[in-house]
Amino acid sequence: MDNTSQIEYWNGPAGQKWVRDADRMDVMLSPFVEPIISSVLPAPGQSVIDIGCGAGALSLNLAASAVNVSVT
């Protein structure tokens, strides 16, 4: 599978907009981080995959709790 169109998309204006708005998105989504972690209740050493991880706030919080996190 060729990812050329996705590479071009994210290296263009869409990627620049994402970088510009990443902090704002983290602030908007921050109220949901703790409720998500509480509902999943990952145990130390457990693996979690965060699909569509945004700027990574949820992934970073999960990783801080000694959970093995993969992002995509």
PDB file of N, CA and C in Angstrom:
ATOM      1  N   MET A   1       0.845  -1.169   0.000  1.00  0.00           N
ATOM      2  CA  MET A   1       0.000   0.000   0.000  1.00  0.00           C
ATOM      3  C   MET A   1       0.898   1.242   0.000  1.00  0.00           C
ATOM      4  N   ASP A   2       0.580   2.178  -0.860  1.00  0.00           N
ATOM      5  CA  ASP A   2       1.371   3.394  -1.001  1.00  0.00           C
ATOM      6  C   ASP A   2       0.762   4.515  -0.153  1.00  0.00           C
ATOM      7  N   ASN A   3       1.582   5.146   0.657  1.00  0.00           N
ATOM      8  CA  ASN A   3       1.140   6.226   1.543  1.00  0.00           C
ATOM      9  C   ASN A   3       1.458   7.606   0.990  1.00  0.00           C
ATOM     10  N   THR A   4       1.785   7.708  -0.278  1.00  0.00           N
ATOM     11  CA  THR A   4       2.221   8.977  -0.855  1.00  0.00           C
ATOM     12  C   THR A   4       1.215  10.097  -0.614  1.00  0.00           C
ATOM     13  N   SER A   5      -0.064   9.832  -0.829  1.00  0.00           N
ATOM     14  CA  SER A   5      -1.063  10.891  -0.658  1.00  0.00           C
ATOM     15  C   SER A   5      -1.154  11.345   0.797  1.00  0.00           C
ATOM     16  N   GLN A   6      -1.031  10.421   1.752  1.00  0.00           N
ATOM     17  CA  GLN A   6      -1.053  10.801   3.168  1.00  0.00           C
ATOM     18  C   GLN A   6       0.188  11.607   3.549  1.00  0.00           C
ATOM     19  N   ILE A   7       1.329  11.208   3.019  1.00  0.00           N
ATOM     20  CA  ILE A   7       2.571  11.950   3.284  1.00  0.00           C
ATOM     21  C   ILE A   7       2.438  13.373   2.770  1.00  0.00           C
ATOM     22  N   GLU A   8       1.932  13.520   1.550  1.00  0.00           N
ATOM     23  CA  GLU A   8       1.748  14.859   0.972  1.00  0.00           C
ATOM     24  C   GLU A   8       0.743  15.668   1.784  1.00  0.00           C
ATOM     25  N   TYR A   9      -0.345  15.034   2.193  1.00  0.00           N
ATOM     26  CA  TYR A   9      -1.379  15.714   2.969  1.00  0.00           C
ATOM     27  C   TYR A   9      -0.820  16.260   4.282  1.00  0.00           C
ATOM     28  N   TRP A  10      -0.149  15.412   5.059  1.00  0.00           N
ATOM     29  CA  TRP A  10       0.333  15.826   6.378  1.00  0.00           C
ATOM     30  C   TRP A  10       1.583  16.692   6.315  1.00  0.00           C
ATOM     31  N   ASN A  11       2.297  16.688   5.201  1.00  0.00           N
ATOM     32  CA  ASN A  11       3.433  17.591   5.027  1.00  0.00           C
ATOM     33  C   ASN A  11       3.016  18.920   4.421  1.00  0.00           C
ATOM     34  N   GLY A  12       1.745  19.097   4.123  1.00  0.00           N
ATOM     35  CA  GLY A  12       1.224  20.318   3.528  1.00  0.00           C
ATOM     36  C   GLY A  12       0.493  21.175   4.550  1.00  0.00           C
ATOM     37  N   PRO A  13      -0.456  21.986   4.067  1.00  0.00           N
ATOM     38  CA  PRO A  13      -1.201  22.898   4.945  1.00  0.00           C
ATOM     39  C   PRO A  13      -1.941  22.197   6.087  1.00  0.00           C
ATOM     40  N   ALA A  14      -2.449  20.991   5.857  1.00  0.00           N
ATOM     41  CA  ALA A  14      -3.172  20.289   6.934  1.00  0.00           C
ATOM     42  C   ALA A  14      -2.251  19.981   8.106  1.00  0.00           C
ATOM     43  N   GLY A  15      -1.038  19.534   7.816  1.00  0.00           N
ATOM     44  CA  GLY A  15      -0.075  19.255   8.876  1.00  0.00           C
ATOM     45  C   GLY A  15       0.343  20.511   9.616  1.00  0.00           C
ATOM     46  N   GLN A  16       0.515  21.603   8.876  1.00  0.00           N
ATOM     47  CA  GLN A  16       0.872  22.875   9.507  1.00  0.00           C
ATOM     48  C   GLN A  16      -0.247  23.347  10.428  1.00  0.00           C
ATOM     49  N   LYS A  17      -1.500  23.198   9.975  1.00  0.00           N
ATOM     50  CA  LYS A  17      -2.643  23.581  10.814  1.00  0.00           C
ATOM     51  C   LYS A  17      -2.694  22.703  12.070  1.00  0.00           C
ATOM     52  N   TRP A  18      -2.430  21.400  11.917  1.00  0.00           N
ATOM     53  CA  TRP A  18      -2.439  20.488  13.066  1.00  0.00           C
ATOM     54  C   TRP A  18      -1.424  20.940  14.110  1.00  0.00           C
ATOM     55  N   VAL A  19      -0.220  21.256  13.679  1.00  0.00           N
ATOM     56  CA  VAL A  19       0.828  21.702  14.607  1.00  0.00           C
ATOM     57  C   VAL A  19       0.405  22.995  15.285  1.00  0.00           C
ATOM     58  N   ARG A  20      -0.158  23.903  14.519  1.00  0.00           N
ATOM     59  CA  ARG A  20      -0.577  25.201  15.060  1.00  0.00           C
ATOM     60  C   ARG A  20      -1.676  25.035  16.113  1.00  0.00           C
ATOM     61  N   ASP A  21      -2.570  24.064  15.927  1.00  0.00           N
ATOM     62  CA  ASP A  21      -3.720  23.902  16.819  1.00  0.00           C
ATOM     63  C   ASP A  21      -3.549  22.812  17.878  1.00  0.00           C
ATOM     64  N   ALA A  22      -2.408  22.135  17.918  1.00  0.00           N
ATOM     65  CA  ALA A  22      -2.218  20.991  18.818  1.00  0.00           C
ATOM     66  C   ALA A  22      -2.421  21.364  20.285  1.00  0.00           C
ATOM     67  N   ASP A  23      -1.868  22.477  20.719  1.00  0.00           N
ATOM     68  CA  ASP A  23      -2.024  22.878  22.124  1.00  0.00           C
ATOM     69  C   ASP A  23      -3.484  23.151  22.463  1.00  0.00           C
ATOM     70  N   ARG A  24      -4.188  23.806  21.556  1.00  0.00           N
ATOM     71  CA  ARG A  24      -5.607  24.107  21.776  1.00  0.00           C
ATOM     72  C   ARG A  24      -6.419  22.813  21.866  1.00  0.00           C
ATOM     73  N   MET A  25      -6.105  21.852  21.006  1.00  0.00           N
ATOM     74  CA  MET A  25      -6.805  20.568  21.045  1.00  0.00           C
ATOM     75  C   MET A  25      -6.538  19.837  22.364  1.00  0.00           C
ATOM     76  N   ASP A  26      -5.293  19.878  22.840  1.00  0.00           N
ATOM     77  CA  ASP A  26      -4.973  19.244  24.124  1.00  0.00           C
ATOM     78  C   ASP A  26      -5.797  19.851  25.249  1.00  0.00           C
ATOM     79  N   VAL A  27      -5.946  21.170  25.248  1.00  0.00           N
ATOM     80  CA  VAL A  27      -6.738  21.843  26.283  1.00  0.00           C
ATOM     81  C   VAL A  27      -8.205  21.427  26.174  1.00  0.00           C
ATOM     82  N   MET A  28      -8.725  21.386  24.941  1.00  0.00           N
ATOM     83  CA  MET A  28     -10.130  21.009  24.744  1.00  0.00           C
ATOM     84  C   MET A  28     -10.399  19.572  25.173  1.00  0.00           C
ATOM     85  N   LEU A  29      -9.453  18.675  24.930  1.00  0.00           N
ATOM     86  CA  LEU A  29      -9.660  17.263  25.227  1.00  0.00           C
ATOM     87  C   LEU A  29      -9.239  16.868  26.643  1.00  0.00           C
ATOM     88  N   SER A  30      -8.533  17.754  27.351  1.00  0.00           N
ATOM     89  CA  SER A  30      -8.008  17.411  28.676  1.00  0.00           C
ATOM     90  C   SER A  30      -9.074  16.970  29.680  1.00  0.00           C
ATOM     91  N   PRO A  31     -10.301  17.510  29.654  1.00  0.00           N
ATOM     92  CA  PRO A  31     -11.298  17.032  30.617  1.00  0.00           C
ATOM     93  C   PRO A  31     -11.669  15.554  30.442  1.00  0.00           C
ATOM     94  N   PHE A  32     -11.340  14.975  29.291  1.00  0.00           N
ATOM     95  CA  PHE A  32     -11.715  13.594  29.015  1.00  0.00           C
ATOM     96  C   PHE A  32     -10.622  12.590  29.358  1.00  0.00           C
ATOM     97  N   VAL A  33      -9.400  13.076  29.604  1.00  0.00           N
ATOM     98  CA  VAL A  33      -8.268  12.169  29.824  1.00  0.00           C
ATOM     99  C   VAL A  33      -8.486  11.286  31.049  1.00  0.00           C
ATOM    100  N   GLU A  34      -8.752  11.874  32.191  1.00  0.00           N
ATOM    101  CA  GLU A  34      -8.923  11.094  33.426  1.00  0.00           C
ATOM    102  C   GLU A  34     -10.131  10.161  33.360  1.00  0.00           C
ATOM    103  N   PRO A  35     -11.295  10.627  32.870  1.00  0.00           N
ATOM    104  CA  PRO A  35     -12.421   9.691  32.758  1.00  0.00           C
ATOM    105  C   PRO A  35     -12.131   8.494  31.842  1.00  0.00           C
ATOM    106  N   ILE A  36     -11.393   8.717  30.776  1.00  0.00           N
ATOM    107  CA  ILE A  36     -11.047   7.602  29.886  1.00  0.00           C
ATOM    108  C   ILE A  36     -10.131   6.624  30.609  1.00  0.00           C
ATOM    109  N   ILE A  37      -9.097   7.144  31.259  1.00  0.00           N
ATOM    110  CA  ILE A  37      -8.168   6.272  31.982  1.00  0.00           C
ATOM    111  C   ILE A  37      -8.907   5.508  33.077  1.00  0.00           C
ATOM    112  N   SER A  38      -9.788   6.181  33.800  1.00  0.00           N
ATOM    113  CA  SER A  38     -10.551   5.524  34.873  1.00  0.00           C
ATOM    114  C   SER A  38     -11.476   4.443  34.334  1.00  0.00           C
ATOM    115  N   SER A  39     -12.050   4.669  33.161  1.00  0.00           N
ATOM    116  CA  SER A  39     -12.978   3.672  32.614  1.00  0.00           C
ATOM    117  C   SER A  39     -12.246   2.454  32.064  1.00  0.00           C
ATOM    118  N   VAL A  40     -11.020   2.648  31.612  1.00  0.00           N
ATOM    119  CA  VAL A  40     -10.233   1.537  31.081  1.00  0.00           C
ATOM    120  C   VAL A  40      -9.528   0.792  32.210  1.00  0.00           C
ATOM    121  N   LEU A  41      -9.110   1.512  33.231  1.00  0.00           N
ATOM    122  CA  LEU A  41      -8.391   0.974  34.381  1.00  0.00           C
ATOM    123  C   LEU A  41      -7.212   0.082  33.989  1.00  0.00           C
ATOM    124  N   PRO A  42      -6.269   0.634  33.224  1.00  0.00           N
ATOM    125  CA  PRO A  42      -5.111  -0.188  32.843  1.00  0.00           C
ATOM    126  C   PRO A  42      -4.229  -0.483  34.049  1.00  0.00           C
ATOM    127  N   ALA A  43      -3.784  -1.709  34.143  1.00  0.00           N
ATOM    128  CA  ALA A  43      -2.891  -2.124  35.227  1.00  0.00           C
ATOM    129  C   ALA A  43      -1.444  -1.899  34.803  1.00  0.00           C
ATOM    130  N   PRO A  44      -0.542  -1.646  35.764  1.00  0.00           N
ATOM    131  CA  PRO A  44       0.874  -1.513  35.412  1.00  0.00           C
ATOM    132  C   PRO A  44       1.345  -2.732  34.618  1.00  0.00           C
ATOM    133  N   GLY A  45       2.066  -2.464  33.550  1.00  0.00           N
ATOM    134  CA  GLY A  45       2.564  -3.526  32.687  1.00  0.00           C
ATOM    135  C   GLY A  45       1.610  -3.915  31.571  1.00  0.00           C
ATOM    136  N   GLN A  46       0.372  -3.444  31.653  1.00  0.00           N
ATOM    137  CA  GLN A  46      -0.611  -3.742  30.617  1.00  0.00           C
ATOM    138  C   GLN A  46      -0.332  -2.879  29.389  1.00  0.00           C
ATOM    139  N   SER A  47      -0.665  -3.373  28.217  1.00  0.00           N
ATOM    140  CA  SER A  47      -0.465  -2.626  26.975  1.00  0.00           C
ATOM    141  C   SER A  47      -1.762  -1.967  26.536  1.00  0.00           C
ATOM    142  N   VAL A  48      -1.636  -0.755  26.000  1.00  0.00           N
ATOM    143  CA  VAL A  48      -2.774   0.001  25.487  1.00  0.00           C
ATOM    144  C   VAL A  48      -2.368   0.574  24.142  1.00  0.00           C
ATOM    145  N   ILE A  49      -3.273   0.540  23.168  1.00  0.00           N
ATOM    146  CA  ILE A  49      -3.024   1.202  21.895  1.00  0.00           C
ATOM    147  C   ILE A  49      -3.975   2.382  21.796  1.00  0.00           C
ATOM    148  N   ASP A  50      -3.456   3.543  21.483  1.00  0.00           N
ATOM    149  CA  ASP A  50      -4.233   4.768  21.358  1.00  0.00           C
ATOM    150  C   ASP A  50      -4.295   5.098  19.873  1.00  0.00           C
ATOM    151  N   ILE A  51      -5.424   4.819  19.249  1.00  0.00           N
ATOM    152  CA  ILE A  51      -5.599   5.052  17.811  1.00  0.00           C
ATOM    153  C   ILE A  51      -6.206   6.430  17.619  1.00  0.00           C
ATOM    154  N   GLY A  52      -5.617   7.190  16.716  1.00  0.00           N
ATOM    155  CA  GLY A  52      -6.084   8.549  16.518  1.00  0.00           C
ATOM    156  C   GLY A  52      -5.740   9.388  17.728  1.00  0.00           C
ATOM    157  N   CYS A  53      -4.484   9.303  18.154  1.00  0.00           N
ATOM    158  CA  CYS A  53      -4.059   9.805  19.461  1.00  0.00           C
ATOM    159  C   CYS A  53      -3.948  11.318  19.552  1.00  0.00           C
ATOM    160  N   GLY A  54      -4.342  12.048  18.529  1.00  0.00           N
ATOM    161  CA  GLY A  54      -4.261  13.497  18.614  1.00  0.00           C
ATOM    162  C   GLY A  54      -2.833  13.935  18.845  1.00  0.00           C
ATOM    163  N   ALA A  55      -2.655  14.876  19.748  1.00  0.00           N
ATOM    164  CA  ALA A  55      -1.310  15.375  20.044  1.00  0.00           C
ATOM    165  C   ALA A  55      -0.628  14.555  21.135  1.00  0.00           C
ATOM    166  N   GLY A  56      -1.307  13.552  21.673  1.00  0.00           N
ATOM    167  CA  GLY A  56      -0.663  12.617  22.582  1.00  0.00           C
ATOM    168  C   GLY A  56      -0.934  12.786  24.061  1.00  0.00           C
ATOM    169  N   ALA A  57      -1.832  13.685  24.456  1.00  0.00           N
ATOM    170  CA  ALA A  57      -2.074  13.913  25.888  1.00  0.00           C
ATOM    171  C   ALA A  57      -2.516  12.635  26.600  1.00  0.00           C
ATOM    172  N   LEU A  58      -3.442  11.901  26.013  1.00  0.00           N
ATOM    173  CA  LEU A  58      -3.906  10.659  26.635  1.00  0.00           C
ATOM    174  C   LEU A  58      -2.779   9.638  26.689  1.00  0.00           C
ATOM    175  N   SER A  59      -2.041   9.492  25.609  1.00  0.00           N
ATOM    176  CA  SER A  59      -0.925   8.534  25.562  1.00  0.00           C
ATOM    177  C   SER A  59       0.127   8.859  26.609  1.00  0.00           C
ATOM    178  N   LEU A  60       0.454  10.134  26.753  1.00  0.00           N
ATOM    179  CA  LEU A  60       1.466  10.535  27.734  1.00  0.00           C
ATOM    180  C   LEU A  60       1.000  10.246  29.154  1.00  0.00           C
ATOM    181  N   ASN A  61      -0.283  10.496  29.437  1.00  0.00           N
ATOM    182  CA  ASN A  61      -0.814  10.200  30.769  1.00  0.00           C
ATOM    183  C   ASN A  61      -0.827   8.704  31.040  1.00  0.00           C
ATOM    184  N   LEU A  62      -1.175   7.911  30.049  1.00  0.00           N
ATOM    185  CA  LEU A  62      -1.142   6.460  30.219  1.00  0.00           C
ATOM    186  C   LEU A  62       0.283   5.978  30.450  1.00  0.00           C
ATOM    187  N   ALA A  63       1.219   6.497  29.672  1.00  0.00           N
ATOM    188  CA  ALA A  63       2.623   6.094  29.819  1.00  0.00           C
ATOM    189  C   ALA A  63       3.157   6.469  31.197  1.00  0.00           C
ATOM    190  N   ALA A  64       2.704   7.599  31.741  1.00  0.00           N
ATOM    191  CA  ALA A  64       3.152   8.021  33.070  1.00  0.00           C
ATOM    192  C   ALA A  64       2.667   7.066  34.154  1.00  0.00           C
ATOM    193  N   SER A  65       1.609   6.319  33.861  1.00  0.00           N
ATOM    194  CA  SER A  65       1.096   5.368  34.853  1.00  0.00           C
ATOM    195  C   SER A  65       1.688   3.975  34.653  1.00  0.00           C
ATOM    196  N   ALA A  66       2.838   3.904  33.995  1.00  0.00           N
ATOM    197  CA  ALA A  66       3.590   2.657  33.800  1.00  0.00           C
ATOM    198  C   ALA A  66       2.863   1.661  32.910  1.00  0.00           C
ATOM    199  N   VAL A  67       2.033   2.171  32.000  1.00  0.00           N
ATOM    200  CA  VAL A  67       1.345   1.329  31.039  1.00  0.00           C
ATOM    201  C   VAL A  67       2.120   1.392  29.732  1.00  0.00           C
ATOM    202  N   ASN A  68       2.281   0.263  29.063  1.00  0.00           N
ATOM    203  CA  ASN A  68       2.950   0.212  27.769  1.00  0.00           C
ATOM    204  C   ASN A  68       1.986   0.749  26.718  1.00  0.00           C
ATOM    205  N   VAL A  69       2.318   1.888  26.106  1.00  0.00           N
ATOM    206  CA  VAL A  69       1.414   2.557  25.177  1.00  0.00           C
ATOM    207  C   VAL A  69       1.986   2.531  23.773  1.00  0.00           C
ATOM    208  N   SER A  70       1.143   2.171  22.814  1.00  0.00           N
ATOM    209  CA  SER A  70       1.479   2.286  21.396  1.00  0.00           C
ATOM    210  C   SER A  70       0.509   3.276  20.784  1.00  0.00           C
ATOM    211  N   VAL A  71       0.998   4.139  19.923  1.00  0.00           N
ATOM    212  CA  VAL A  71       0.137   5.134  19.287  1.00  0.00           C
ATOM    213  C   VAL A  71       0.137   4.927  17.790  1.00  0.00           C
ATOM    214  N   THR A  72      -0.983   5.261  17.186  1.00  0.00           N
ATOM    215  CA  THR A  72      -1.088   5.213  15.736  1.00  0.00           C
ATOM    216  C   THR A  72      -2.084   6.243  15.257  1.00  0.00           C
TER     217      THR A  72
END
